[in-house]
Protein backbone atom coordinates (compact mmCIF):
# COMPACT_ATOMS: atom_id res chain seq x y z
CA MET A 1 0.00 0.00 0.00
CA SER A 2 1.19 3.44 -0.81
CA ALA A 3 1.47 6.25 1.69
CA LEU A 4 -1.60 7.93 0.21
CA GLU A 5 -3.73 4.79 0.71
CA ILE A 6 -2.52 4.42 4.29
CA ALA A 7 -3.31 8.08 4.97
CA LEU A 8 -6.81 7.67 3.49
CA VAL A 9 -7.48 4.54 5.56
CA ILE A 10 -6.35 6.35 8.71
CA LEU A 11 -8.44 9.42 7.81
CA ILE A 12 -11.55 7.32 7.10
CA SER A 13 -11.03 5.42 10.35
CA ILE A 14 -10.71 8.66 12.32
CA TRP A 15 -13.84 10.13 10.70
CA SER A 16 -15.76 6.91 11.33
CA LEU A 17 -14.72 6.97 14.98
CA ILE A 18 -15.75 10.63 15.27
CA PHE A 19 -19.18 9.88 13.77
CA VAL A 20 -19.67 6.92 16.11
CA ILE A 21 -18.80 9.13 19.11
CA ILE A 22 -21.20 11.83 17.89
CA ALA A 23 -23.96 9.24 17.41
CA ILE A 24 -23.45 7.86 20.93
CA ALA A 25 -23.46 11.37 22.39
CA LEU A 26 -26.65 12.16 20.48
CA LEU A 27 -28.32 9.01 21.80
CA VAL A 28 -27.32 9.88 25.37
CA PHE A 29 -28.62 13.43 24.89
CA LEU A 30 -31.94 12.21 23.47
CA ARG A 31 -32.30 9.74 26.35
CA GLN A 32 -31.76 12.57 28.84
CA VAL A 33 -34.38 14.66 27.04
CA LYS A 34 -36.82 11.74 27.23
CA LEU A 35 -36.19 11.33 30.96
CA ALA A 36 -36.71 15.05 31.52
CA LEU A 37 -39.97 14.96 29.57
CA ASP A 38 -41.11 11.95 31.59
CA ARG A 39 -40.42 13.86 34.81
CA ILE A 40 -42.32 16.88 33.51
CA ASN A 41 -45.22 14.63 32.52
CA LYS A 42 -45.34 13.16 36.04
CA ILE A 43 -45.34 16.64 37.54
CA LEU A 44 -48.20 17.70 35.27
CA GLU A 45 -50.19 14.57 36.13
CA ASN A 46 -49.71 15.27 39.84
CA ALA A 47 -50.78 18.88 39.31
CA GLU A 48 -53.88 17.65 37.49
CA ASP A 49 -54.72 15.29 40.37
CA VAL A 50 -54.27 18.10 42.88
CA ALA A 51 -56.44 20.44 40.82
CA GLU A 52 -59.17 17.81 40.57
CA GLY A 53 -58.90 17.14 44.30
CA VAL A 54 -59.30 20.82 45.08
CA GLY A 55 -62.02 21.26 42.47
CA ALA A 56 -64.38 18.64 43.91
CA PRO A 57 -64.93 20.35 47.29
CA LEU A 58 -65.26 23.70 45.54
CA LYS A 59 -67.94 22.28 43.25
CA MET A 60 -69.75 20.86 46.27
CA ALA A 61 -69.55 24.19 48.07
CA ALA A 62 -70.80 26.04 44.99
CA ALA A 63 -73.69 23.60 44.66
CA GLY A 64 -74.54 24.13 48.33
CA VAL A 65 -74.50 27.90 47.95
CA ALA A 66 -76.61 27.64 44.80
CA GLY A 67 -79.07 25.45 46.69
CA LEU A 68 -79.32 27.96 49.52
CA LEU A 69 -79.78 30.84 47.12
CA SER A 70 -82.47 28.98 45.20
CA ARG A 71 -84.37 28.35 48.45
CA PHE A 72 -84.46 32.07 49.11
CA LYS A 73 -85.32 33.04 45.55
CA ILE A 74 -88.15 30.56 44.96
CA PRO A 75 -90.51 31.98 47.63
CA SER A 76 -89.87 35.54 46.46
CA LEU A 77 -90.41 34.46 42.85
CA LYS A 78 -93.64 32.75 43.89
CA ARG A 79 -94.81 35.97 45.53
CA VAL A 80 -94.09 37.90 42.33
CA ILE A 81 -96.06 35.38 40.27
CA ASP A 82 -98.96 35.39 42.74
CA HIS A 83 -98.95 39.18 42.80
CA SER A 84 -99.09 39.36 38.99
CA LYS A 85 -102.02 36.88 38.96
CA ASP A 86 -103.87 38.99 41.51
CA LYS A 87 -103.60 42.06 39.28
CA LYS A 88 -105.37 40.27 36.41
């Protein structure tokens, strides 16, 4: 083999090694990104569970307040209806 062929084989080997190292580094980086996204997903799921847990008592309280308000409004509404019937 001539010196030029040996130099080309060495150069191709070096470039191949560099590309393999870059590929491995890219795979490690993408794996870290996936792990980070998994952690973020878990945090968001926990936040959703907390929001639902807080939302249920608030819905119950709102329904209770609405029930109380409707109890007070129905008799007054009935008086208005009765009063309008009396005028006719």
